């Protein structure tokens, strides 16, 4: 229901027999609404894999915030390898692409392919991503890439558009209540330069 309120708790919502899900997350602020919804039906483990984030100091800041929150709510979190050099090599030639263009699709594929592979390696039943909660990301593109990655690894991908039914508004409110650090650009060097949202004083904000 639109406007539905959620409170992230540390209690398990499902039994140990529930399907195990590896959930890719990009940052703490985008995650609480998605996690609260999924914990009703799955045993969720978070997967922080974002080699696109630049510079490294920003990566560390987002990683620590996500890890702090995961510990707070009692969820395990796996950190994928931070390999920005490989990310830059794979996206070479796409520097001038606009946001939501070809570069973003390649970036989604990098992250979701790793998520699907990690889920298969560790014996998860299902994998998914919180990326579609953002109003700046196209759910159809992300879901298509997620499904292709799942097929390659013979695993199930949960299709979703988490921004629907006020999902973005709800997760933003939850993030504010939790006192999360919130970045002012998507993550990569190119999004930092173009900044969809105007920069806040000091370059950062907390929601």
Protein backbone atom coordinates (compact mmCIF):
# COMPACT_ATOMS: atom_id res chain seq x y z
CA UNK A 1 0.00 0.00 0.00
CA UNK A 2 1.33 3.42 -0.90
CA UNK A 3 2.91 5.22 2.02
CA UNK A 4 3.28 2.05 4.08
CA UNK A 5 5.63 2.56 7.01
CA UNK A 6 8.42 0.18 7.93
CA UNK A 7 10.78 -0.04 10.86
CA UNK A 8 13.95 -2.06 10.41
CA UNK A 9 14.42 -4.38 13.33
CA UNK A 10 17.13 -6.82 14.33
CA UNK A 11 14.69 -9.73 14.69
CA UNK A 12 14.52 -12.48 12.10
CA UNK A 13 11.22 -12.32 10.19
CA UNK A 14 11.42 -15.81 8.69
CA UNK A 15 12.47 -19.29 9.68
CA UNK A 16 15.87 -20.76 8.95
CA UNK A 17 14.21 -22.87 6.23
CA UNK A 18 13.29 -19.79 4.20
CA UNK A 19 15.17 -19.33 0.90
CA UNK A 20 18.59 -17.74 1.25
CA UNK A 21 19.01 -14.51 -0.70
CA UNK A 22 22.15 -12.58 -1.54
CA UNK A 23 21.10 -8.95 -1.91
CA UNK A 24 23.40 -6.56 -3.72
CA UNK A 25 23.39 -3.10 -2.14
CA UNK A 26 25.09 0.09 -3.32
CA UNK A 27 24.90 2.06 -0.06
CA UNK A 28 23.11 2.18 3.27
CA UNK A 29 20.48 4.89 2.46
CA UNK A 30 19.02 2.97 -0.51
CA UNK A 31 18.69 -0.29 1.40
CA UNK A 32 16.42 -0.23 4.50
CA UNK A 33 13.04 -0.33 2.75
CA UNK A 34 14.16 -3.08 0.37
CA UNK A 35 15.69 -5.14 3.16
CA UNK A 36 12.63 -4.82 5.37
CA UNK A 37 10.39 -6.03 2.56
CA UNK A 38 12.61 -8.97 1.64
CA UNK A 39 13.22 -10.14 5.20
CA UNK A 40 9.58 -11.15 5.38
CA UNK A 41 10.21 -14.04 2.99
CA UNK A 42 13.97 -14.63 2.77
CA UNK A 43 17.05 -15.09 4.88
CA UNK A 44 18.97 -12.12 3.53
CA UNK A 45 22.72 -11.64 3.31
CA UNK A 46 23.94 -8.28 2.02
CA UNK A 47 26.56 -8.03 -0.72
CA UNK A 48 28.45 -4.76 -1.00
CA UNK A 49 30.16 -4.85 -4.37
CA UNK A 50 30.70 -1.44 -5.93
CA UNK A 51 34.06 -1.00 -7.70
CA UNK A 52 32.56 2.01 -9.48
CA UNK A 53 32.70 4.21 -6.37
CA UNK A 54 35.31 6.94 -6.65
CA UNK A 55 37.46 8.05 -4.91
CA UNK A 56 38.53 5.30 -2.52
CA UNK A 57 37.84 7.52 0.50
CA UNK A 58 34.20 7.71 -0.61
CA UNK A 59 34.10 3.95 -1.06
CA UNK A 60 35.38 3.40 2.46
CA UNK A 61 32.84 5.83 3.87
CA UNK A 62 29.91 4.07 2.17
CA UNK A 63 31.23 0.63 3.06
CA UNK A 64 31.61 1.50 6.74
CA UNK A 65 28.12 2.96 6.90
CA UNK A 66 26.62 -0.12 5.30
CA UNK A 67 28.60 -2.43 7.61
CA UNK A 68 27.56 -0.44 10.68
CA UNK A 69 23.92 -0.72 9.69
CA UNK A 70 24.15 -4.44 8.84
CA UNK A 71 25.64 -5.11 12.26
CA UNK A 72 22.93 -3.00 13.88
CA UNK A 73 20.10 -5.04 12.34
CA UNK A 74 21.85 -8.38 12.67
CA UNK A 75 22.37 -9.21 9.01
CA UNK A 76 25.57 -10.69 7.57
CA UNK A 77 27.31 -8.61 4.91
CA UNK A 78 29.90 -9.69 2.38
CA UNK A 79 32.28 -7.18 0.83
CA UNK A 80 33.19 -7.85 -2.78
CA UNK A 81 36.62 -6.94 -4.13
CA UNK A 82 37.21 -3.23 -4.62
CA UNK A 83 38.93 -3.10 -8.00
CA UNK A 84 38.39 0.34 -9.55
CA UNK A 85 41.14 -0.20 -12.14
CA UNK A 86 39.20 -3.09 -13.65
CA UNK A 87 36.00 -1.00 -13.59
CA UNK A 88 37.69 1.85 -15.46
CA UNK A 89 39.09 -0.61 -18.00
CA UNK A 90 35.69 -2.19 -18.63
CA UNK A 91 33.98 1.20 -19.03
CA UNK A 92 36.78 2.60 -21.19
CA UNK A 93 35.45 4.78 -24.01
CA UNK A 94 32.17 5.54 -22.19
CA UNK A 95 33.28 8.61 -20.24
CA UNK A 96 31.09 10.94 -22.27
CA UNK A 97 27.96 8.82 -21.98
CA UNK A 98 25.11 10.57 -20.13
CA UNK A 99 23.73 9.27 -16.86
CA UNK A 100 21.37 6.33 -17.54
CA UNK A 101 23.26 5.68 -20.78
CA UNK A 102 25.49 2.85 -21.99
CA UNK A 103 28.09 3.35 -19.25
CA UNK A 104 25.48 2.77 -16.54
CA UNK A 105 24.31 -0.42 -18.23
CA UNK A 106 27.89 -1.72 -18.31
CA UNK A 107 28.29 -0.78 -14.64
CA UNK A 108 25.09 -2.62 -13.70
CA UNK A 109 26.35 -5.69 -15.55
CA UNK A 110 29.68 -5.59 -13.71
CA UNK A 111 28.01 -5.48 -10.32
CA UNK A 112 25.12 -7.86 -10.96
CA UNK A 113 27.31 -10.42 -12.72
CA UNK A 114 29.53 -10.49 -9.64
CA UNK A 115 26.47 -10.76 -7.39
CA UNK A 116 25.05 -13.70 -9.34
CA UNK A 117 28.42 -15.44 -9.39
CA UNK A 118 28.95 -14.95 -5.67
CA UNK A 119 25.43 -16.18 -4.90
CA UNK A 120 26.00 -19.33 -6.95
CA UNK A 121 29.43 -19.95 -5.40
CA UNK A 122 28.07 -19.69 -1.86
CA UNK A 123 24.96 -21.77 -2.47
CA UNK A 124 22.32 -19.07 -2.19
CA UNK A 125 18.89 -19.86 -3.63
CA UNK A 126 18.20 -16.39 -4.98
CA UNK A 127 19.86 -13.06 -5.55
CA UNK A 128 18.58 -9.52 -6.03
CA UNK A 129 19.56 -5.88 -5.87
CA UNK A 130 18.39 -2.70 -4.18
CA UNK A 131 19.46 -0.55 -7.15
CA UNK A 132 15.94 -0.10 -8.53
CA UNK A 133 14.82 1.90 -5.50
CA UNK A 134 16.60 4.93 -6.95
CA UNK A 135 14.50 7.29 -9.10
CA UNK A 136 17.64 7.91 -11.17
CA UNK A 137 17.92 4.27 -12.32
CA UNK A 138 15.78 2.43 -14.85
CA UNK A 139 14.32 -0.72 -13.34
CA UNK A 140 13.68 -2.35 -16.73
CA UNK A 141 17.38 -2.10 -17.63
CA UNK A 142 18.56 -3.39 -14.24
CA UNK A 143 16.09 -6.28 -14.23
CA UNK A 144 17.05 -7.33 -17.75
CA UNK A 145 20.74 -7.38 -16.82
CA UNK A 146 20.01 -9.16 -13.55
CA UNK A 147 18.07 -11.90 -15.32
CA UNK A 148 20.86 -12.45 -17.87
CA UNK A 149 23.44 -12.74 -15.10
CA UNK A 150 21.18 -15.20 -13.26
CA UNK A 151 20.82 -17.36 -16.37
CA UNK A 152 24.60 -17.56 -16.77
CA UNK A 153 24.95 -18.79 -13.18
CA UNK A 154 21.82 -20.97 -13.12
CA UNK A 155 20.33 -19.05 -10.21
CA UNK A 156 17.11 -17.12 -9.62
CA UNK A 157 16.97 -13.32 -9.80
CA UNK A 158 14.19 -11.39 -8.09
CA UNK A 159 12.82 -8.76 -10.46
CA UNK A 160 11.57 -5.62 -8.72
CA UNK A 161 11.04 -1.91 -9.10
CA UNK A 162 11.49 -0.87 -5.49
CA UNK A 163 10.80 2.80 -6.17
CA UNK A 164 7.13 2.00 -6.80
CA UNK A 165 4.50 2.61 -4.12
CA UNK A 166 6.64 5.40 -2.65
CA UNK A 167 9.55 3.03 -2.06
CA UNK A 168 12.14 5.75 -2.56
CA UNK A 169 10.32 8.15 -0.25
CA UNK A 170 10.00 5.48 2.41
CA UNK A 171 13.64 4.40 2.24
CA UNK A 172 14.73 8.05 2.35
CA UNK A 173 12.65 8.64 5.45
CA UNK A 174 13.98 5.50 7.09
CA UNK A 175 17.55 6.50 6.24
CA UNK A 176 16.98 9.92 7.79
CA UNK A 177 15.61 8.36 10.96
CA UNK A 178 18.60 6.03 11.12
CA UNK A 179 20.99 8.95 10.70
CA UNK A 180 22.75 7.58 7.64
CA UNK A 181 25.44 9.42 5.77
CA UNK A 182 24.03 10.12 2.32
CA UNK A 183 26.21 10.75 -0.71
CA UNK A 184 25.36 13.44 -3.26
CA UNK A 185 26.30 11.49 -6.41
CA UNK A 186 25.75 7.95 -7.67
CA UNK A 187 29.31 6.76 -7.18
CA UNK A 188 31.58 6.83 -10.20
CA UNK A 189 33.98 9.57 -11.28
CA UNK A 190 31.72 10.58 -14.15
CA UNK A 191 28.56 10.87 -12.04
CA UNK A 192 30.57 12.85 -9.52
CA UNK A 193 31.46 15.34 -12.25
CA UNK A 194 27.92 15.69 -13.58
CA UNK A 195 26.09 15.38 -10.21
CA UNK A 196 22.43 14.85 -10.85
CA UNK A 197 21.77 16.52 -7.51
CA UNK A 198 23.45 19.79 -6.55
CA UNK A 199 26.37 19.53 -4.19
CA UNK A 200 25.72 20.30 -0.57
CA UNK A 201 28.03 22.52 1.50
CA UNK A 202 31.04 20.45 2.38
CA UNK A 203 30.37 17.98 -0.41
CA UNK A 204 28.32 15.57 1.72
CA UNK A 205 25.05 15.39 3.54
CA UNK A 206 23.41 13.25 6.15
CA UNK A 207 19.76 12.42 5.72
